[in-house]
């Protein structure tokens, strides 16, 4: 049983790197929205009649949807593993830390919902190129802040999971 939990801890810790990579990818794509808006300001519509930033916004929307799904699965797996750890006597000292991580999961998912709303705003009809560019810039800041929050959260989880892993490895 300890091996199963240890394997799950190792998988979750590996997923933290994936979360970091996904947030960086979304930040880069949000930057591309800004660049595409600048291109439209400079050159007008592209030859196919399609606004270049809309293609990038669609990419960003797809990336964020995939990211939300993966993050939800990740958080659910972590919480299931933590519930199991709390059932064991050696997990009891970590109860308050685990409660904090659960609250952080809720707060982070709320922030991710805000992120999806901000991405949707980029496609608002009647939005001027300059307004879209400003929204894209604000989105980049929001994404950077969200990435920092996610990384800080993952660092706290890593410490906790490594402690739990250490305790279980000694059994």
C-alpha atoms as a PDB file:
ATOM      1  CA  UNK A   1       0.000   0.000   0.000  1.00  0.00           C
ATOM      2  CA  UNK A   2       2.849   2.384   0.828  1.00  0.00           C
ATOM      3  CA  UNK A   3       4.350   1.661  -2.595  1.00  0.00           C
ATOM      4  CA  UNK A   4       1.105   2.742  -4.273  1.00  0.00           C
ATOM      5  CA  UNK A   5       1.079   6.030  -2.381  1.00  0.00           C
ATOM      6  CA  UNK A   6       4.779   6.541  -3.035  1.00  0.00           C
ATOM      7  CA  UNK A   7       4.205   5.968  -6.756  1.00  0.00           C
ATOM      8  CA  UNK A   8       1.316   8.446  -6.721  1.00  0.00           C
ATOM      9  CA  UNK A   9       3.435  11.034  -4.905  1.00  0.00           C
ATOM     10  CA  UNK A  10       6.155  10.628  -7.525  1.00  0.00           C
ATOM     11  CA  UNK A  11       3.611  11.038 -10.347  1.00  0.00           C
ATOM     12  CA  UNK A  12       2.111  14.144  -8.750  1.00  0.00           C
ATOM     13  CA  UNK A  13       5.519  15.712  -8.269  1.00  0.00           C
ATOM     14  CA  UNK A  14       6.290  15.043 -11.946  1.00  0.00           C
ATOM     15  CA  UNK A  15       2.988  16.683 -12.919  1.00  0.00           C
ATOM     16  CA  UNK A  16       4.104  19.899 -11.233  1.00  0.00           C
ATOM     17  CA  UNK A  17       6.642  20.333 -14.040  1.00  0.00           C
ATOM     18  CA  UNK A  18       3.830  19.865 -16.581  1.00  0.00           C
ATOM     19  CA  UNK A  19       1.740  22.567 -14.874  1.00  0.00           C
ATOM     20  CA  UNK A  20       4.677  24.975 -15.064  1.00  0.00           C
ATOM     21  CA  UNK A  21       5.188  24.207 -18.749  1.00  0.00           C
ATOM     22  CA  UNK A  22       1.480  24.703 -19.527  1.00  0.00           C
ATOM     23  CA  UNK A  23       1.316  28.103 -17.815  1.00  0.00           C
ATOM     24  CA  UNK A  24       4.443  29.241 -19.665  1.00  0.00           C
ATOM     25  CA  UNK A  25       2.875  28.131 -22.950  1.00  0.00           C
ATOM     26  CA  UNK A  26      -0.297  30.105 -22.214  1.00  0.00           C
ATOM     27  CA  UNK A  27       1.769  33.187 -21.335  1.00  0.00           C
ATOM     28  CA  UNK A  28       3.607  32.947 -24.656  1.00  0.00           C
ATOM     29  CA  UNK A  29       0.325  32.574 -26.539  1.00  0.00           C
ATOM     30  CA  UNK A  30      -1.167  35.579 -24.718  1.00  0.00           C
ATOM     31  CA  UNK A  31       1.897  37.512 -25.825  1.00  0.00           C
ATOM     32  CA  UNK A  32       1.175  36.367 -29.382  1.00  0.00           C
ATOM     33  CA  UNK A  33      -2.325  37.901 -29.140  1.00  0.00           C
ATOM     34  CA  UNK A  34      -0.686  41.220 -28.367  1.00  0.00           C
ATOM     35  CA  UNK A  35       1.752  40.824 -31.263  1.00  0.00           C
ATOM     36  CA  UNK A  36      -1.032  39.828 -33.659  1.00  0.00           C
ATOM     37  CA  UNK A  37      -3.016  42.903 -32.619  1.00  0.00           C
ATOM     38  CA  UNK A  38       0.014  45.058 -33.327  1.00  0.00           C
ATOM     39  CA  UNK A  39       0.292  43.418 -36.751  1.00  0.00           C
ATOM     40  CA  UNK A  40      -3.337  44.197 -37.460  1.00  0.00           C
ATOM     41  CA  UNK A  41      -2.803  47.806 -36.455  1.00  0.00           C
ATOM     42  CA  UNK A  42       0.141  48.044 -38.813  1.00  0.00           C
ATOM     43  CA  UNK A  43      -1.194  46.109 -41.809  1.00  0.00           C
ATOM     44  CA  UNK A  44      -4.940  45.667 -41.468  1.00  0.00           C
ATOM     45  CA  UNK A  45      -6.611  42.340 -42.143  1.00  0.00           C
ATOM     46  CA  UNK A  46      -4.629  39.469 -43.549  1.00  0.00           C
ATOM     47  CA  UNK A  47      -5.300  38.392 -47.117  1.00  0.00           C
ATOM     48  CA  UNK A  48      -7.771  35.633 -46.142  1.00  0.00           C
ATOM     49  CA  UNK A  49      -9.888  38.233 -44.382  1.00  0.00           C
ATOM     50  CA  UNK A  50      -9.253  36.654 -41.003  1.00  0.00           C
ATOM     51  CA  UNK A  51      -8.043  38.750 -38.066  1.00  0.00           C
ATOM     52  CA  UNK A  52      -4.645  37.301 -37.093  1.00  0.00           C
ATOM     53  CA  UNK A  53      -5.226  37.754 -33.387  1.00  0.00           C
ATOM     54  CA  UNK A  54      -8.431  35.661 -33.536  1.00  0.00           C
ATOM     55  CA  UNK A  55      -6.454  32.624 -34.651  1.00  0.00           C
ATOM     56  CA  UNK A  56      -4.137  33.107 -31.683  1.00  0.00           C
ATOM     57  CA  UNK A  57      -7.071  33.745 -29.315  1.00  0.00           C
ATOM     58  CA  UNK A  58      -8.594  30.464 -30.496  1.00  0.00           C
ATOM     59  CA  UNK A  59      -5.286  28.730 -29.757  1.00  0.00           C
ATOM     60  CA  UNK A  60      -5.200  30.330 -26.313  1.00  0.00           C
ATOM     61  CA  UNK A  61      -8.784  29.239 -25.639  1.00  0.00           C
ATOM     62  CA  UNK A  62      -7.934  25.655 -26.598  1.00  0.00           C
ATOM     63  CA  UNK A  63      -4.771  25.706 -24.474  1.00  0.00           C
ATOM     64  CA  UNK A  64      -6.630  27.040 -21.461  1.00  0.00           C
ATOM     65  CA  UNK A  65      -9.401  24.441 -21.776  1.00  0.00           C
ATOM     66  CA  UNK A  66      -6.852  21.641 -21.890  1.00  0.00           C
ATOM     67  CA  UNK A  67      -4.970  23.202 -18.982  1.00  0.00           C
ATOM     68  CA  UNK A  68      -8.111  23.514 -16.832  1.00  0.00           C
ATOM     69  CA  UNK A  69      -8.959  19.852 -17.402  1.00  0.00           C
ATOM     70  CA  UNK A  70      -5.460  18.677 -16.550  1.00  0.00           C
ATOM     71  CA  UNK A  71      -5.239  20.889 -13.477  1.00  0.00           C
ATOM     72  CA  UNK A  72      -8.596  19.659 -12.160  1.00  0.00           C
ATOM     73  CA  UNK A  73      -7.523  16.025 -12.591  1.00  0.00           C
ATOM     74  CA  UNK A  74      -4.195  16.828 -10.918  1.00  0.00           C
ATOM     75  CA  UNK A  75      -5.849  18.523  -7.938  1.00  0.00           C
ATOM     76  CA  UNK A  76      -8.384  15.680  -7.582  1.00  0.00           C
ATOM     77  CA  UNK A  77      -5.582  13.093  -7.542  1.00  0.00           C
ATOM     78  CA  UNK A  78      -3.636  15.078  -4.967  1.00  0.00           C
ATOM     79  CA  UNK A  79      -6.629  15.455  -2.701  1.00  0.00           C
ATOM     80  CA  UNK A  80      -7.511  11.760  -2.954  1.00  0.00           C
ATOM     81  CA  UNK A  81      -3.945  10.852  -2.055  1.00  0.00           C
ATOM     82  CA  UNK A  82      -3.937  13.316   0.831  1.00  0.00           C
ATOM     83  CA  UNK A  83      -7.205  11.944   2.212  1.00  0.00           C
ATOM     84  CA  UNK A  84      -5.622   8.507   2.200  1.00  0.00           C
ATOM     85  CA  UNK A  85      -2.509   9.859   3.930  1.00  0.00           C
ATOM     86  CA  UNK A  86      -4.648  11.475   6.632  1.00  0.00           C
ATOM     87  CA  UNK A  87      -6.293   8.150   7.429  1.00  0.00           C
ATOM     88  CA  UNK A  88      -2.923   6.820   8.544  1.00  0.00           C
ATOM     89  CA  UNK A  89      -1.458   7.654  11.945  1.00  0.00           C
ATOM     90  CA  UNK A  90       1.724   9.006  10.344  1.00  0.00           C
ATOM     91  CA  UNK A  91      -0.365  11.450   8.281  1.00  0.00           C
ATOM     92  CA  UNK A  92      -2.103  13.146  11.222  1.00  0.00           C
ATOM     93  CA  UNK A  93       0.661  15.729  11.854  1.00  0.00           C
ATOM     94  CA  UNK A  94       0.091  17.068   8.342  1.00  0.00           C
ATOM     95  CA  UNK A  95      -3.669  17.673   8.678  1.00  0.00           C
ATOM     96  CA  UNK A  96      -3.499  21.476   8.887  1.00  0.00           C
ATOM     97  CA  UNK A  97      -1.053  21.708   5.974  1.00  0.00           C
ATOM     98  CA  UNK A  98      -3.330  19.493   3.894  1.00  0.00           C
ATOM     99  CA  UNK A  99      -6.327  21.704   4.735  1.00  0.00           C
ATOM    100  CA  UNK A 100      -4.377  24.752   3.515  1.00  0.00           C
ATOM    101  CA  UNK A 101      -3.533  23.001   0.239  1.00  0.00           C
ATOM    102  CA  UNK A 102      -7.203  22.163  -0.315  1.00  0.00           C
ATOM    103  CA  UNK A 103      -8.198  25.796   0.207  1.00  0.00           C
ATOM    104  CA  UNK A 104      -5.461  26.823  -2.231  1.00  0.00           C
ATOM    105  CA  UNK A 105      -6.841  24.384  -4.807  1.00  0.00           C
ATOM    106  CA  UNK A 106     -10.251  26.066  -4.551  1.00  0.00           C
ATOM    107  CA  UNK A 107      -8.708  29.535  -4.832  1.00  0.00           C
ATOM    108  CA  UNK A 108      -6.540  28.530  -7.788  1.00  0.00           C
ATOM    109  CA  UNK A 109      -9.486  26.993  -9.650  1.00  0.00           C
ATOM    110  CA  UNK A 110     -11.415  30.229  -9.074  1.00  0.00           C
ATOM    111  CA  UNK A 111      -8.504  32.159 -10.531  1.00  0.00           C
ATOM    112  CA  UNK A 112      -8.407  29.801 -13.515  1.00  0.00           C
ATOM    113  CA  UNK A 113     -12.128  30.495 -14.084  1.00  0.00           C
ATOM    114  CA  UNK A 114     -11.271  34.218 -14.138  1.00  0.00           C
ATOM    115  CA  UNK A 115      -8.540  33.444 -16.639  1.00  0.00           C
ATOM    116  CA  UNK A 116     -11.036  31.781 -18.984  1.00  0.00           C
ATOM    117  CA  UNK A 117     -13.289  34.854 -18.704  1.00  0.00           C
ATOM    118  CA  UNK A 118     -10.391  37.156 -19.551  1.00  0.00           C
ATOM    119  CA  UNK A 119      -9.545  35.048 -22.593  1.00  0.00           C
ATOM    120  CA  UNK A 120     -13.183  35.144 -23.724  1.00  0.00           C
ATOM    121  CA  UNK A 121     -13.156  38.953 -23.432  1.00  0.00           C
ATOM    122  CA  UNK A 122     -10.475  39.066 -26.120  1.00  0.00           C
ATOM    123  CA  UNK A 123     -13.063  37.875 -28.664  1.00  0.00           C
ATOM    124  CA  UNK A 124     -15.723  40.400 -27.676  1.00  0.00           C
ATOM    125  CA  UNK A 125     -17.445  41.806 -30.769  1.00  0.00           C
ATOM    126  CA  UNK A 126     -16.804  45.470 -31.386  1.00  0.00           C
ATOM    127  CA  UNK A 127     -13.581  45.455 -29.401  1.00  0.00           C
ATOM    128  CA  UNK A 128     -11.106  47.868 -30.934  1.00  0.00           C
ATOM    129  CA  UNK A 129      -7.651  46.637 -31.786  1.00  0.00           C
ATOM    130  CA  UNK A 130      -6.199  48.897 -29.107  1.00  0.00           C
ATOM    131  CA  UNK A 131      -8.675  47.622 -26.490  1.00  0.00           C
ATOM    132  CA  UNK A 132      -7.867  44.039 -27.465  1.00  0.00           C
ATOM    133  CA  UNK A 133      -4.187  44.801 -27.154  1.00  0.00           C
ATOM    134  CA  UNK A 134      -4.727  46.311 -23.683  1.00  0.00           C
ATOM    135  CA  UNK A 135      -6.751  43.277 -22.622  1.00  0.00           C
ATOM    136  CA  UNK A 136      -4.043  40.963 -23.971  1.00  0.00           C
ATOM    137  CA  UNK A 137      -1.445  42.883 -21.996  1.00  0.00           C
ATOM    138  CA  UNK A 138      -3.554  42.660 -18.824  1.00  0.00           C
ATOM    139  CA  UNK A 139      -4.049  38.948 -19.498  1.00  0.00           C
ATOM    140  CA  UNK A 140      -0.294  38.447 -19.694  1.00  0.00           C
ATOM    141  CA  UNK A 141       0.114  40.092 -16.282  1.00  0.00           C
ATOM    142  CA  UNK A 142      -2.718  37.979 -14.852  1.00  0.00           C
ATOM    143  CA  UNK A 143      -1.149  34.824 -16.307  1.00  0.00           C
ATOM    144  CA  UNK A 144       2.256  35.695 -14.857  1.00  0.00           C
ATOM    145  CA  UNK A 145       0.676  36.222 -11.439  1.00  0.00           C
ATOM    146  CA  UNK A 146      -1.271  32.971 -11.753  1.00  0.00           C
ATOM    147  CA  UNK A 147       1.877  31.098 -12.752  1.00  0.00           C
ATOM    148  CA  UNK A 148       3.665  32.481  -9.688  1.00  0.00           C
ATOM    149  CA  UNK A 149       0.781  31.419  -7.432  1.00  0.00           C
ATOM    150  CA  UNK A 150       0.731  27.941  -8.989  1.00  0.00           C
ATOM    151  CA  UNK A 151       4.488  27.566  -8.644  1.00  0.00           C
ATOM    152  CA  UNK A 152       4.454  28.694  -5.012  1.00  0.00           C
ATOM    153  CA  UNK A 153       1.625  26.256  -4.335  1.00  0.00           C
ATOM    154  CA  UNK A 154       3.490  23.439  -6.085  1.00  0.00           C
ATOM    155  CA  UNK A 155       6.612  24.218  -4.044  1.00  0.00           C
ATOM    156  CA  UNK A 156       4.627  23.931  -0.784  1.00  0.00           C
ATOM    157  CA  UNK A 157       3.080  20.687  -1.983  1.00  0.00           C
ATOM    158  CA  UNK A 158       6.457  19.342  -2.962  1.00  0.00           C
ATOM    159  CA  UNK A 159       7.772  19.929   0.553  1.00  0.00           C
ATOM    160  CA  UNK A 160       4.741  18.256   2.094  1.00  0.00           C
ATOM    161  CA  UNK A 161       4.783  15.302  -0.294  1.00  0.00           C
ATOM    162  CA  UNK A 162       8.492  14.777   0.213  1.00  0.00           C
ATOM    163  CA  UNK A 163       7.930  14.674   3.984  1.00  0.00           C
ATOM    164  CA  UNK A 164       5.092  12.181   3.575  1.00  0.00           C
ATOM    165  CA  UNK A 165       7.188  10.146   1.154  1.00  0.00           C
ATOM    166  CA  UNK A 166      10.061  10.112   3.657  1.00  0.00           C
ATOM    167  CA  UNK A 167       7.799   8.932   6.476  1.00  0.00           C
ATOM    168  CA  UNK A 168       6.212   6.215   4.329  1.00  0.00           C
ATOM    169  CA  UNK A 169       9.589   5.057   3.014  1.00  0.00           C
ATOM    170  CA  UNK A 170      10.712   4.369   6.574  1.00  0.00           C
ATOM    171  CA  UNK A 171       7.778   2.022   7.228  1.00  0.00           C
END
